[in-house]
């Protein structure tokens, strides 16, 4: 025996408010409720409550139709859990990507009269910027747009950042054309691009500049 009326049998804590809204609107109202059996099993029900009026417009009763949506709720919970895991991993990847990008201080130190506008479409980005100042007074700076966006673009951005550091900072290549040619060769080699028809042609569009104020 669950109880003598709707309020006592319902497991929805807002049932009183739901009944009032239904009465005022004179329309059906749909809501979900979680029920716990005596064995501790969770049962989700989707309920549609409808007010019934007589020919004088007086409310006589409510009719409730319940549908078992337990499987649907379990699927939703599983999807939410998976999405949260994926989102957590992507947010962690963003932290890694952010540490690889030049800091605001480094940008201002390399090019004092400058600003950076960086607005990723997704959490992680396929676009990146890069700056470097050598001991000869040369300032290098780049704005780069990788193929793809989101996770795939972010992978390409890490490749691009690593190549610029390797070629300019570590190897000390100073000529812009040589840097770009070397980057192209590395990308083709690293991604094993053969030029065959239908092959994925991942890469990046880059504006690379060198400035010496002296």
N, C-alpha and C. Protein backbone atom coordinates (compact mmCIF):
# COMPACT_ATOMS: atom_id res chain seq x y z
N UNK A 1 0.85 -1.18 0.00
CA UNK A 1 0.00 0.00 0.00
C UNK A 1 0.89 1.24 0.00
N UNK A 2 0.83 2.04 -1.11
CA UNK A 2 1.72 3.19 -1.24
C UNK A 2 1.12 4.46 -0.65
N UNK A 3 -0.18 4.53 -0.50
CA UNK A 3 -0.78 5.73 0.07
C UNK A 3 -2.11 6.04 -0.56
N UNK A 4 -2.89 6.92 0.08
CA UNK A 4 -4.27 7.19 -0.38
C UNK A 4 -4.38 8.22 -1.51
N UNK A 5 -3.32 9.01 -1.79
CA UNK A 5 -3.45 10.03 -2.84
C UNK A 5 -2.11 10.25 -3.54
N UNK A 6 -2.15 11.14 -4.54
CA UNK A 6 -0.98 11.37 -5.39
C UNK A 6 0.21 11.87 -4.57
N UNK A 7 -0.04 12.76 -3.65
CA UNK A 7 1.05 13.36 -2.89
C UNK A 7 1.79 12.32 -2.05
N UNK A 8 1.04 11.35 -1.54
CA UNK A 8 1.69 10.36 -0.67
C UNK A 8 2.37 9.25 -1.44
N UNK A 9 1.88 8.96 -2.66
CA UNK A 9 2.50 7.87 -3.42
C UNK A 9 3.65 8.34 -4.30
N UNK A 10 3.71 9.65 -4.55
CA UNK A 10 4.76 10.15 -5.46
C UNK A 10 6.11 10.24 -4.74
N UNK A 11 7.15 9.88 -5.47
CA UNK A 11 8.52 10.01 -4.96
C UNK A 11 9.18 11.31 -5.42
N UNK A 12 8.42 12.12 -6.14
CA UNK A 12 8.96 13.40 -6.60
C UNK A 12 8.78 14.45 -5.50
N UNK A 13 9.88 15.04 -5.01
CA UNK A 13 9.78 16.00 -3.90
C UNK A 13 9.01 17.27 -4.27
N UNK A 14 8.84 17.52 -5.60
CA UNK A 14 8.15 18.75 -6.04
C UNK A 14 6.71 18.46 -6.46
N UNK A 15 6.14 17.35 -6.04
CA UNK A 15 4.82 16.96 -6.52
C UNK A 15 3.75 18.00 -6.19
N UNK A 16 3.84 18.63 -5.02
CA UNK A 16 2.84 19.64 -4.65
C UNK A 16 2.88 20.82 -5.62
N UNK A 17 4.08 21.28 -5.95
CA UNK A 17 4.24 22.37 -6.91
C UNK A 17 3.77 21.95 -8.30
N UNK A 18 4.08 20.73 -8.67
CA UNK A 18 3.67 20.21 -9.99
C UNK A 18 2.15 20.20 -10.11
N UNK A 19 1.47 19.74 -9.05
CA UNK A 19 0.01 19.71 -9.06
C UNK A 19 -0.59 21.11 -9.19
N UNK A 20 0.00 22.05 -8.49
CA UNK A 20 -0.49 23.43 -8.55
C UNK A 20 -0.30 24.01 -9.96
N UNK A 21 0.89 23.78 -10.55
CA UNK A 21 1.15 24.28 -11.91
C UNK A 21 0.19 23.66 -12.91
N UNK A 22 -0.04 22.37 -12.74
CA UNK A 22 -0.95 21.65 -13.62
C UNK A 22 -2.38 22.19 -13.49
N UNK A 23 -2.77 22.48 -12.26
CA UNK A 23 -4.11 23.01 -12.00
C UNK A 23 -4.29 24.40 -12.60
N UNK A 24 -3.27 25.25 -12.44
CA UNK A 24 -3.34 26.63 -12.94
C UNK A 24 -3.34 26.67 -14.46
N UNK A 25 -2.46 25.87 -15.08
CA UNK A 25 -2.33 25.89 -16.54
C UNK A 25 -3.44 25.11 -17.24
N UNK A 26 -4.08 24.19 -16.48
CA UNK A 26 -5.13 23.32 -17.03
C UNK A 26 -4.60 22.48 -18.19
N UNK A 27 -3.29 22.15 -18.12
CA UNK A 27 -2.65 21.35 -19.15
C UNK A 27 -1.88 20.20 -18.51
N UNK A 28 -1.57 19.21 -19.33
CA UNK A 28 -0.77 18.08 -18.84
C UNK A 28 0.64 18.55 -18.49
N UNK A 29 1.28 17.82 -17.57
CA UNK A 29 2.62 18.16 -17.10
C UNK A 29 3.44 16.87 -17.04
N UNK A 30 4.66 16.92 -17.55
CA UNK A 30 5.52 15.73 -17.58
C UNK A 30 6.69 15.92 -16.64
N UNK A 31 7.04 14.87 -15.88
CA UNK A 31 8.17 14.96 -14.96
C UNK A 31 8.73 13.55 -14.74
N UNK A 32 9.99 13.50 -14.31
CA UNK A 32 10.67 12.23 -14.04
C UNK A 32 10.86 12.06 -12.53
N UNK A 33 10.78 10.81 -12.08
CA UNK A 33 10.96 10.53 -10.66
C UNK A 33 11.80 9.28 -10.49
N UNK A 34 12.59 9.27 -9.43
CA UNK A 34 13.39 8.10 -9.08
C UNK A 34 12.71 7.37 -7.93
N UNK A 35 12.42 6.08 -8.17
CA UNK A 35 11.79 5.24 -7.15
C UNK A 35 12.78 4.18 -6.69
N UNK A 36 12.77 3.89 -5.42
CA UNK A 36 13.63 2.85 -4.85
C UNK A 36 12.74 1.72 -4.33
N UNK A 37 12.97 0.52 -4.84
CA UNK A 37 12.17 -0.62 -4.40
C UNK A 37 12.61 -1.06 -3.00
N UNK A 38 11.87 -1.99 -2.42
CA UNK A 38 12.22 -2.52 -1.10
C UNK A 38 13.56 -3.25 -1.13
N UNK A 39 13.93 -3.73 -2.33
CA UNK A 39 15.21 -4.41 -2.48
C UNK A 39 16.36 -3.44 -2.79
N UNK A 40 16.04 -2.13 -2.81
CA UNK A 40 17.06 -1.12 -3.06
C UNK A 40 17.35 -0.88 -4.53
N UNK A 41 16.52 -1.41 -5.42
CA UNK A 41 16.72 -1.24 -6.86
C UNK A 41 16.17 0.11 -7.30
N UNK A 42 16.93 0.81 -8.16
CA UNK A 42 16.49 2.12 -8.66
C UNK A 42 15.59 1.93 -9.89
N UNK A 43 14.42 2.55 -9.84
CA UNK A 43 13.50 2.53 -10.96
C UNK A 43 13.14 3.97 -11.33
N UNK A 44 13.45 4.34 -12.56
CA UNK A 44 13.11 5.68 -13.04
C UNK A 44 11.77 5.62 -13.78
N UNK A 45 10.90 6.57 -13.48
CA UNK A 45 9.61 6.65 -14.16
C UNK A 45 9.42 8.04 -14.74
N UNK A 46 8.90 8.08 -15.97
CA UNK A 46 8.48 9.33 -16.58
C UNK A 46 6.97 9.41 -16.45
N UNK A 47 6.49 10.45 -15.79
CA UNK A 47 5.05 10.56 -15.49
C UNK A 47 4.44 11.74 -16.24
N UNK A 48 3.27 11.50 -16.79
CA UNK A 48 2.49 12.57 -17.39
C UNK A 48 1.20 12.71 -16.60
N UNK A 49 1.02 13.87 -15.98
CA UNK A 49 -0.16 14.11 -15.14
C UNK A 49 -1.10 15.06 -15.88
N UNK A 50 -2.37 14.70 -15.91
CA UNK A 50 -3.37 15.47 -16.65
C UNK A 50 -4.55 15.80 -15.75
N UNK A 51 -4.95 17.09 -15.67
CA UNK A 51 -6.13 17.45 -14.87
C UNK A 51 -7.42 17.13 -15.64
N UNK A 52 -8.41 16.63 -14.94
CA UNK A 52 -9.69 16.31 -15.55
C UNK A 52 -10.77 17.21 -14.94
N UNK A 53 -11.49 17.92 -15.82
CA UNK A 53 -12.52 18.86 -15.37
C UNK A 53 -13.90 18.37 -15.82
N UNK A 54 -14.93 18.73 -15.07
CA UNK A 54 -16.29 18.39 -15.51
C UNK A 54 -16.79 19.45 -16.46
N UNK A 55 -18.03 19.31 -16.92
CA UNK A 55 -18.56 20.25 -17.91
C UNK A 55 -18.80 21.65 -17.36
N UNK A 56 -18.63 21.81 -16.05
CA UNK A 56 -18.75 23.14 -15.45
C UNK A 56 -17.38 23.78 -15.20
N UNK A 57 -16.34 23.07 -15.62
CA UNK A 57 -14.99 23.59 -15.45
C UNK A 57 -14.42 23.38 -14.07
N UNK A 58 -15.01 22.47 -13.32
CA UNK A 58 -14.52 22.18 -11.97
C UNK A 58 -13.57 21.00 -12.02
N UNK A 59 -12.40 21.15 -11.39
CA UNK A 59 -11.42 20.07 -11.36
C UNK A 59 -11.95 18.90 -10.56
N UNK A 60 -11.99 17.74 -11.21
CA UNK A 60 -12.51 16.55 -10.54
C UNK A 60 -11.40 15.62 -10.07
N UNK A 61 -10.37 15.46 -10.90
CA UNK A 61 -9.30 14.52 -10.54
C UNK A 61 -8.09 14.73 -11.45
N UNK A 62 -7.02 14.05 -11.11
CA UNK A 62 -5.82 13.99 -11.93
C UNK A 62 -5.62 12.55 -12.41
N UNK A 63 -5.18 12.41 -13.63
CA UNK A 63 -4.81 11.10 -14.15
C UNK A 63 -3.31 11.09 -14.43
N UNK A 64 -2.62 10.07 -13.94
CA UNK A 64 -1.18 9.96 -14.16
C UNK A 64 -0.88 8.69 -14.95
N UNK A 65 -0.07 8.86 -15.99
CA UNK A 65 0.42 7.72 -16.77
C UNK A 65 1.93 7.64 -16.56
N UNK A 66 2.38 6.49 -16.06
CA UNK A 66 3.80 6.29 -15.76
C UNK A 66 4.44 5.40 -16.83
N UNK A 67 5.67 5.74 -17.21
CA UNK A 67 6.45 4.94 -18.16
C UNK A 67 7.80 4.63 -17.55
N UNK A 68 8.20 3.39 -17.59
CA UNK A 68 9.50 2.98 -17.05
C UNK A 68 10.61 3.44 -18.00
N UNK A 69 11.47 4.34 -17.54
CA UNK A 69 12.57 4.85 -18.37
C UNK A 69 13.92 4.54 -17.72
N UNK A 70 13.96 3.46 -16.95
CA UNK A 70 15.19 3.12 -16.22
C UNK A 70 16.36 2.88 -17.17
N UNK A 71 16.13 2.10 -18.23
CA UNK A 71 17.21 1.82 -19.18
C UNK A 71 17.71 3.10 -19.84
N UNK A 72 16.78 3.97 -20.20
CA UNK A 72 17.16 5.25 -20.82
C UNK A 72 18.00 6.09 -19.87
N UNK A 73 17.61 6.14 -18.60
CA UNK A 73 18.36 6.91 -17.60
C UNK A 73 19.74 6.33 -17.38
N UNK A 74 19.83 4.99 -17.35
CA UNK A 74 21.14 4.36 -17.17
C UNK A 74 22.05 4.70 -18.35
N UNK A 75 21.48 4.71 -19.57
CA UNK A 75 22.26 5.07 -20.75
C UNK A 75 22.73 6.52 -20.67
N UNK A 76 21.84 7.42 -20.23
CA UNK A 76 22.20 8.83 -20.09
C UNK A 76 23.31 9.01 -19.06
N UNK A 77 23.21 8.28 -17.95
CA UNK A 77 24.24 8.38 -16.90
C UNK A 77 25.59 7.89 -17.41
N UNK A 78 25.56 6.79 -18.20
CA UNK A 78 26.80 6.25 -18.76
C UNK A 78 27.42 7.23 -19.74
N UNK A 79 26.59 7.84 -20.59
CA UNK A 79 27.09 8.82 -21.56
C UNK A 79 27.67 10.04 -20.84
N UNK A 80 26.99 10.47 -19.78
CA UNK A 80 27.48 11.63 -19.03
C UNK A 80 28.82 11.33 -18.38
N UNK A 81 28.95 10.10 -17.86
CA UNK A 81 30.22 9.70 -17.24
C UNK A 81 31.34 9.67 -18.28
N UNK A 82 31.05 9.10 -19.47
CA UNK A 82 32.06 9.05 -20.53
C UNK A 82 32.41 10.46 -21.00
N UNK A 83 31.41 11.31 -21.16
CA UNK A 83 31.67 12.69 -21.59
C UNK A 83 32.51 13.44 -20.58
N UNK A 84 32.24 13.21 -19.31
CA UNK A 84 33.03 13.87 -18.27
C UNK A 84 34.48 13.41 -18.30
N UNK A 85 34.68 12.09 -18.57
CA UNK A 85 36.05 11.58 -18.68
C UNK A 85 36.78 12.21 -19.86
N UNK A 86 36.08 12.29 -20.99
CA UNK A 86 36.68 12.88 -22.20
C UNK A 86 37.00 14.36 -21.96
N UNK A 87 36.03 15.07 -21.35
CA UNK A 87 36.23 16.50 -21.09
C UNK A 87 37.38 16.72 -20.13
N UNK A 88 37.51 15.85 -19.15
CA UNK A 88 38.61 15.96 -18.19
C UNK A 88 39.95 15.79 -18.90
N UNK A 89 40.03 14.81 -19.81
CA UNK A 89 41.27 14.58 -20.55
C UNK A 89 41.61 15.75 -21.46
N UNK A 90 40.58 16.31 -22.12
CA UNK A 90 40.81 17.44 -23.02
C UNK A 90 41.26 18.67 -22.23
N UNK A 91 40.66 18.89 -21.07
CA UNK A 91 41.07 20.02 -20.23
C UNK A 91 42.52 19.87 -19.76
N UNK A 92 42.91 18.62 -19.49
CA UNK A 92 44.30 18.38 -19.11
C UNK A 92 45.23 18.64 -20.30
N UNK A 93 44.77 18.25 -21.50
CA UNK A 93 45.55 18.51 -22.71
C UNK A 93 45.70 20.02 -22.94
N UNK A 94 44.67 20.77 -22.58
CA UNK A 94 44.74 22.24 -22.71
C UNK A 94 45.85 22.81 -21.82
N UNK A 95 45.96 22.26 -20.60
CA UNK A 95 47.01 22.73 -19.69
C UNK A 95 48.39 22.49 -20.30
N UNK A 96 48.56 21.33 -20.94
CA UNK A 96 49.85 21.02 -21.58
C UNK A 96 50.10 21.99 -22.72
N UNK A 97 49.07 22.20 -23.56
CA UNK A 97 49.24 23.10 -24.70
C UNK A 97 49.55 24.53 -24.23
N UNK A 98 48.88 24.97 -23.18
CA UNK A 98 49.10 26.33 -22.67
C UNK A 98 50.54 26.52 -22.17
N UNK A 99 51.11 25.46 -21.57
CA UNK A 99 52.49 25.58 -21.07
C UNK A 99 53.49 25.67 -22.22
N UNK A 100 53.13 25.12 -23.39
CA UNK A 100 54.05 25.16 -24.54
C UNK A 100 53.99 26.49 -25.28
N UNK A 101 52.88 27.21 -25.17
CA UNK A 101 52.77 28.51 -25.83
C UNK A 101 53.61 29.55 -25.07
N UNK A 102 54.15 30.53 -25.80
CA UNK A 102 54.94 31.59 -25.13
C UNK A 102 54.08 32.35 -24.11
N UNK A 103 54.66 32.66 -22.99
CA UNK A 103 53.95 33.43 -21.98
C UNK A 103 53.78 34.87 -22.45
N UNK A 104 52.85 35.58 -21.82
CA UNK A 104 52.62 36.99 -22.17
C UNK A 104 53.88 37.81 -21.92
N UNK A 105 54.62 37.46 -20.86
CA UNK A 105 55.86 38.17 -20.55
C UNK A 105 56.91 37.97 -21.66
N UNK A 106 57.00 36.73 -22.15
CA UNK A 106 57.97 36.44 -23.21
C UNK A 106 57.61 37.17 -24.50
N UNK A 107 56.32 37.24 -24.80
CA UNK A 107 55.88 37.96 -25.99
C UNK A 107 56.25 39.43 -25.88
N UNK A 108 55.95 40.05 -24.73
CA UNK A 108 56.25 41.48 -24.55
C UNK A 108 57.75 41.73 -24.53
N UNK A 109 58.52 40.81 -24.00
CA UNK A 109 59.97 40.97 -23.98
C UNK A 109 60.55 40.87 -25.39
N UNK A 110 59.96 40.00 -26.22
CA UNK A 110 60.45 39.84 -27.59
C UNK A 110 60.00 40.98 -28.47
N UNK A 111 58.72 41.35 -28.37
CA UNK A 111 58.16 42.45 -29.16
C UNK A 111 57.40 43.36 -28.20
N UNK A 112 58.06 44.38 -27.63
CA UNK A 112 57.43 45.21 -26.58
C UNK A 112 56.11 45.84 -27.00
N UNK A 113 56.05 46.40 -28.20
CA UNK A 113 54.83 47.09 -28.65
C UNK A 113 53.94 46.09 -29.39
N UNK A 114 53.29 45.21 -28.63
CA UNK A 114 52.51 44.14 -29.27
C UNK A 114 51.40 43.65 -28.35
N UNK A 115 50.50 42.88 -28.91
CA UNK A 115 49.47 42.19 -28.11
C UNK A 115 49.15 40.87 -28.80
N UNK A 116 48.54 39.97 -28.05
CA UNK A 116 48.18 38.66 -28.58
C UNK A 116 46.69 38.44 -28.44
N UNK A 117 46.04 38.11 -29.54
CA UNK A 117 44.62 37.74 -29.53
C UNK A 117 44.53 36.26 -29.84
N UNK A 118 44.12 35.48 -28.85
CA UNK A 118 44.11 34.01 -28.97
C UNK A 118 42.78 33.50 -28.46
N UNK A 119 41.88 33.10 -29.36
CA UNK A 119 40.53 32.69 -29.00
C UNK A 119 40.22 31.33 -29.62
N UNK A 120 40.64 30.24 -28.99
CA UNK A 120 40.40 28.90 -29.54
C UNK A 120 38.91 28.62 -29.74
N UNK A 121 38.58 27.99 -30.86
CA UNK A 121 37.19 27.60 -31.13
C UNK A 121 36.75 26.53 -30.14
N UNK A 122 37.66 25.58 -29.86
CA UNK A 122 37.37 24.52 -28.90
C UNK A 122 38.27 24.69 -27.69
N UNK A 123 38.23 23.73 -26.78
CA UNK A 123 39.04 23.84 -25.56
C UNK A 123 40.52 23.87 -25.91
N UNK A 124 40.94 22.92 -26.77
CA UNK A 124 42.30 22.96 -27.29
C UNK A 124 42.24 23.50 -28.72
N UNK A 125 43.37 24.01 -29.20
CA UNK A 125 43.33 24.75 -30.45
C UNK A 125 44.30 24.21 -31.49
N UNK A 126 43.92 24.37 -32.75
CA UNK A 126 44.81 24.05 -33.86
C UNK A 126 45.59 25.26 -34.32
N UNK A 127 45.38 26.40 -33.70
CA UNK A 127 46.15 27.61 -33.98
C UNK A 127 47.16 27.82 -32.85
N UNK A 128 48.28 28.41 -33.19
CA UNK A 128 49.22 28.74 -32.13
C UNK A 128 50.10 29.91 -32.55
N UNK A 129 50.78 30.49 -31.58
CA UNK A 129 51.73 31.57 -31.86
C UNK A 129 53.05 31.21 -31.19
N UNK A 130 54.12 31.86 -31.66
CA UNK A 130 55.47 31.49 -31.18
C UNK A 130 56.37 32.71 -31.31
N UNK A 131 57.23 32.94 -30.32
CA UNK A 131 58.19 34.04 -30.39
C UNK A 131 59.54 33.55 -29.84
N UNK A 132 60.59 34.23 -30.30
CA UNK A 132 61.93 33.91 -29.80
C UNK A 132 62.86 35.09 -30.09
N UNK A 133 63.73 35.40 -29.15
CA UNK A 133 64.71 36.46 -29.36
C UNK A 133 66.10 35.89 -29.10
N UNK A 134 66.99 36.00 -30.11
CA UNK A 134 68.34 35.45 -29.94
C UNK A 134 69.29 36.49 -29.36
N UNK A 135 70.54 36.11 -29.17
CA UNK A 135 71.51 37.01 -28.54
C UNK A 135 72.09 38.02 -29.52
N UNK A 136 71.62 38.00 -30.78
CA UNK A 136 72.06 38.98 -31.78
C UNK A 136 71.04 40.11 -31.97
N UNK A 137 70.01 40.09 -31.17
CA UNK A 137 68.99 41.13 -31.29
C UNK A 137 67.90 40.80 -32.28
N UNK A 138 67.89 39.57 -32.81
CA UNK A 138 66.85 39.18 -33.76
C UNK A 138 65.63 38.67 -33.02
N UNK A 139 64.47 39.20 -33.40
CA UNK A 139 63.21 38.75 -32.82
C UNK A 139 62.45 37.95 -33.88
N UNK A 140 62.10 36.75 -33.56
CA UNK A 140 61.32 35.90 -34.46
C UNK A 140 59.91 35.76 -33.88
N UNK A 141 58.92 35.81 -34.75
CA UNK A 141 57.55 35.60 -34.27
C UNK A 141 56.71 34.98 -35.39
N UNK A 142 55.78 34.15 -34.97
CA UNK A 142 54.96 33.41 -35.94
C UNK A 142 53.53 33.29 -35.46
N UNK A 143 52.61 33.31 -36.43
CA UNK A 143 51.20 32.98 -36.20
C UNK A 143 50.87 31.83 -37.13
N UNK A 144 50.31 30.77 -36.56
CA UNK A 144 50.19 29.52 -37.32
C UNK A 144 48.78 28.94 -37.21
N UNK A 145 48.28 28.47 -38.34
CA UNK A 145 46.96 27.82 -38.41
C UNK A 145 47.17 26.40 -38.93
N UNK A 146 46.96 25.41 -38.06
CA UNK A 146 47.14 24.01 -38.44
C UNK A 146 45.86 23.45 -39.06
N UNK A 147 46.02 22.41 -39.89
CA UNK A 147 44.84 21.74 -40.41
C UNK A 147 44.07 21.10 -39.26
N UNK A 148 42.75 21.11 -39.37
CA UNK A 148 41.93 20.55 -38.30
C UNK A 148 41.79 21.54 -37.16
N UNK A 149 40.90 21.19 -36.24
CA UNK A 149 40.74 21.99 -35.03
C UNK A 149 40.47 21.04 -33.88
N UNK A 150 40.40 21.58 -32.69
CA UNK A 150 40.19 20.71 -31.54
C UNK A 150 41.40 19.83 -31.30
N UNK A 151 41.16 18.56 -30.98
CA UNK A 151 42.24 17.65 -30.60
C UNK A 151 43.21 17.41 -31.75
N UNK A 152 42.69 17.16 -32.96
CA UNK A 152 43.58 16.88 -34.09
C UNK A 152 44.46 18.09 -34.41
N UNK A 153 43.87 19.28 -34.37
CA UNK A 153 44.66 20.49 -34.62
C UNK A 153 45.67 20.74 -33.52
N UNK A 154 45.30 20.39 -32.28
CA UNK A 154 46.22 20.59 -31.15
C UNK A 154 47.47 19.72 -31.29
N UNK A 155 47.30 18.49 -31.79
CA UNK A 155 48.45 17.62 -32.03
C UNK A 155 49.40 18.27 -33.04
N UNK A 156 48.82 18.82 -34.11
CA UNK A 156 49.64 19.48 -35.13
C UNK A 156 50.33 20.72 -34.55
N UNK A 157 49.66 21.43 -33.66
CA UNK A 157 50.27 22.63 -33.08
C UNK A 157 51.49 22.26 -32.24
N UNK A 158 51.43 21.13 -31.54
CA UNK A 158 52.58 20.69 -30.73
C UNK A 158 53.76 20.35 -31.64
N UNK A 159 53.45 19.72 -32.78
CA UNK A 159 54.51 19.43 -33.76
C UNK A 159 55.14 20.72 -34.25
N UNK A 160 54.29 21.70 -34.58
CA UNK A 160 54.79 22.99 -35.09
C UNK A 160 55.64 23.73 -34.07
N UNK A 161 55.18 23.78 -32.83
CA UNK A 161 55.95 24.44 -31.78
C UNK A 161 57.30 23.76 -31.57
N UNK A 162 57.30 22.44 -31.58
CA UNK A 162 58.54 21.70 -31.38
C UNK A 162 59.53 21.94 -32.51
N UNK A 163 59.01 21.99 -33.74
CA UNK A 163 59.89 22.20 -34.89
C UNK A 163 60.51 23.59 -34.88
N UNK A 164 59.74 24.61 -34.54
CA UNK A 164 60.28 25.97 -34.48
C UNK A 164 61.37 26.07 -33.42
N UNK A 165 61.11 25.47 -32.26
CA UNK A 165 62.13 25.49 -31.21
C UNK A 165 63.39 24.74 -31.65
N UNK A 166 63.20 23.60 -32.28
CA UNK A 166 64.34 22.79 -32.71
C UNK A 166 65.18 23.51 -33.77
N UNK A 167 64.52 24.07 -34.79
CA UNK A 167 65.24 24.66 -35.92
C UNK A 167 65.85 26.01 -35.58
N UNK A 168 65.12 26.86 -34.87
CA UNK A 168 65.60 28.22 -34.61
C UNK A 168 66.41 28.29 -33.32
N UNK A 169 65.87 27.75 -32.24
CA UNK A 169 66.53 27.86 -30.94
C UNK A 169 67.71 26.91 -30.82
N UNK A 170 67.49 25.65 -31.15
CA UNK A 170 68.55 24.64 -30.96
C UNK A 170 69.57 24.62 -32.10
N UNK A 171 69.08 24.62 -33.34
CA UNK A 171 70.00 24.53 -34.49
C UNK A 171 70.51 25.90 -34.92
N UNK A 172 69.84 26.96 -34.49
CA UNK A 172 70.31 28.31 -34.79
C UNK A 172 70.15 28.75 -36.23
N UNK A 173 69.20 28.17 -36.96
CA UNK A 173 68.95 28.61 -38.35
C UNK A 173 68.33 30.01 -38.30
N UNK A 174 68.89 30.94 -39.07
CA UNK A 174 68.44 32.33 -39.00
C UNK A 174 67.62 32.77 -40.20
N UNK A 175 67.79 32.12 -41.34
CA UNK A 175 67.08 32.55 -42.55
C UNK A 175 65.66 31.99 -42.56
N UNK A 176 64.72 32.89 -42.75
CA UNK A 176 63.31 32.51 -42.70
C UNK A 176 62.97 31.43 -43.73
N UNK A 177 63.47 31.61 -44.97
CA UNK A 177 63.13 30.63 -46.01
C UNK A 177 63.65 29.24 -45.65
N UNK A 178 64.84 29.17 -45.09
CA UNK A 178 65.41 27.88 -44.72
C UNK A 178 64.63 27.22 -43.58
N UNK A 179 64.17 28.05 -42.64
CA UNK A 179 63.38 27.53 -41.52
C UNK A 179 62.09 26.87 -42.05
N UNK A 180 61.42 27.58 -42.96
CA UNK A 180 60.16 27.08 -43.50
C UNK A 180 60.37 25.82 -44.33
N UNK A 181 61.42 25.81 -45.12
CA UNK A 181 61.72 24.62 -45.95
C UNK A 181 62.00 23.42 -45.04
N UNK A 182 62.79 23.64 -43.99
CA UNK A 182 63.10 22.56 -43.06
C UNK A 182 61.84 22.07 -42.34
N UNK A 183 60.97 23.00 -41.95
CA UNK A 183 59.72 22.61 -41.29
C UNK A 183 58.89 21.72 -42.21
N UNK A 184 58.79 22.13 -43.48
CA UNK A 184 58.02 21.35 -44.45
C UNK A 184 58.59 19.95 -44.61
N UNK A 185 59.91 19.87 -44.70
CA UNK A 185 60.55 18.56 -44.86
C UNK A 185 60.30 17.66 -43.65
N UNK A 186 60.40 18.25 -42.46
CA UNK A 186 60.18 17.47 -41.24
C UNK A 186 58.74 16.97 -41.14
N UNK A 187 57.79 17.84 -41.46
CA UNK A 187 56.38 17.45 -41.37
C UNK A 187 56.07 16.32 -42.35
N UNK A 188 56.55 16.44 -43.58
CA UNK A 188 56.33 15.39 -44.58
C UNK A 188 56.95 14.08 -44.11
N UNK A 189 58.15 14.17 -43.55
CA UNK A 189 58.85 12.97 -43.10
C UNK A 189 58.20 12.38 -41.83
N UNK A 190 57.90 13.24 -40.86
CA UNK A 190 57.34 12.76 -39.60
C UNK A 190 55.96 12.13 -39.78
N UNK A 191 55.15 12.71 -40.67
CA UNK A 191 53.80 12.20 -40.90
C UNK A 191 53.75 11.19 -42.04
N UNK A 192 54.93 10.86 -42.56
CA UNK A 192 55.05 9.84 -43.61
C UNK A 192 54.13 10.13 -44.79
N UNK A 193 54.17 11.38 -45.25
CA UNK A 193 53.36 11.78 -46.39
C UNK A 193 54.11 11.47 -47.69
N UNK A 194 53.43 10.74 -48.56
CA UNK A 194 54.07 10.29 -49.81
C UNK A 194 53.56 11.03 -51.03
N UNK A 195 52.49 11.82 -50.86
CA UNK A 195 51.94 12.54 -51.99
C UNK A 195 50.92 11.75 -52.79
N UNK A 196 50.54 10.57 -52.30
CA UNK A 196 49.57 9.75 -53.01
C UNK A 196 48.18 10.40 -52.96
N UNK A 197 47.39 10.13 -54.02
CA UNK A 197 46.03 10.67 -54.10
C UNK A 197 45.18 10.10 -52.96
N UNK A 198 44.41 10.99 -52.29
CA UNK A 198 43.55 10.56 -51.21
C UNK A 198 44.22 10.53 -49.85
N UNK A 199 45.52 10.77 -49.83
CA UNK A 199 46.26 10.75 -48.57
C UNK A 199 45.94 12.00 -47.75
N UNK A 200 45.86 11.84 -46.43
CA UNK A 200 45.64 12.99 -45.56
C UNK A 200 46.83 13.94 -45.67
N UNK A 201 46.54 15.19 -45.94
CA UNK A 201 47.61 16.18 -46.11
C UNK A 201 47.61 17.15 -44.94
N UNK A 202 47.95 16.62 -43.80
CA UNK A 202 48.01 17.47 -42.60
C UNK A 202 49.21 18.41 -42.69
N UNK A 203 49.01 19.59 -42.22
CA UNK A 203 50.09 20.58 -42.27
C UNK A 203 49.68 21.85 -41.56
N UNK A 204 50.23 22.96 -41.98
CA UNK A 204 49.90 24.23 -41.33
C UNK A 204 50.22 25.41 -42.24
N UNK A 205 49.43 26.46 -42.11
CA UNK A 205 49.71 27.74 -42.75
C UNK A 205 50.42 28.59 -41.70
N UNK A 206 51.55 29.16 -42.11
CA UNK A 206 52.36 29.89 -41.12
C UNK A 206 52.83 31.22 -41.66
N UNK A 207 52.73 32.24 -40.83
CA UNK A 207 53.36 33.54 -41.11
C UNK A 207 54.52 33.66 -40.11
N UNK A 208 55.75 33.57 -40.65
CA UNK A 208 56.95 33.61 -39.82
C UNK A 208 57.76 34.85 -40.17
N UNK A 209 58.07 35.64 -39.16
CA UNK A 209 58.76 36.92 -39.39
C UNK A 209 60.02 37.00 -38.54
N UNK A 210 60.96 37.80 -39.05
CA UNK A 210 62.20 38.07 -38.33
C UNK A 210 62.42 39.58 -38.32
N UNK A 211 62.72 40.14 -37.16
CA UNK A 211 62.87 41.58 -37.04
C UNK A 211 64.11 41.90 -36.22
N UNK A 212 64.87 42.90 -36.69
CA UNK A 212 66.01 43.38 -35.93
C UNK A 212 65.91 44.91 -35.85
N UNK A 213 65.66 45.42 -34.64
CA UNK A 213 65.43 46.86 -34.49
C UNK A 213 66.67 47.68 -34.75
N UNK A 214 67.83 47.05 -34.72
CA UNK A 214 69.08 47.78 -34.97
C UNK A 214 69.30 47.98 -36.45
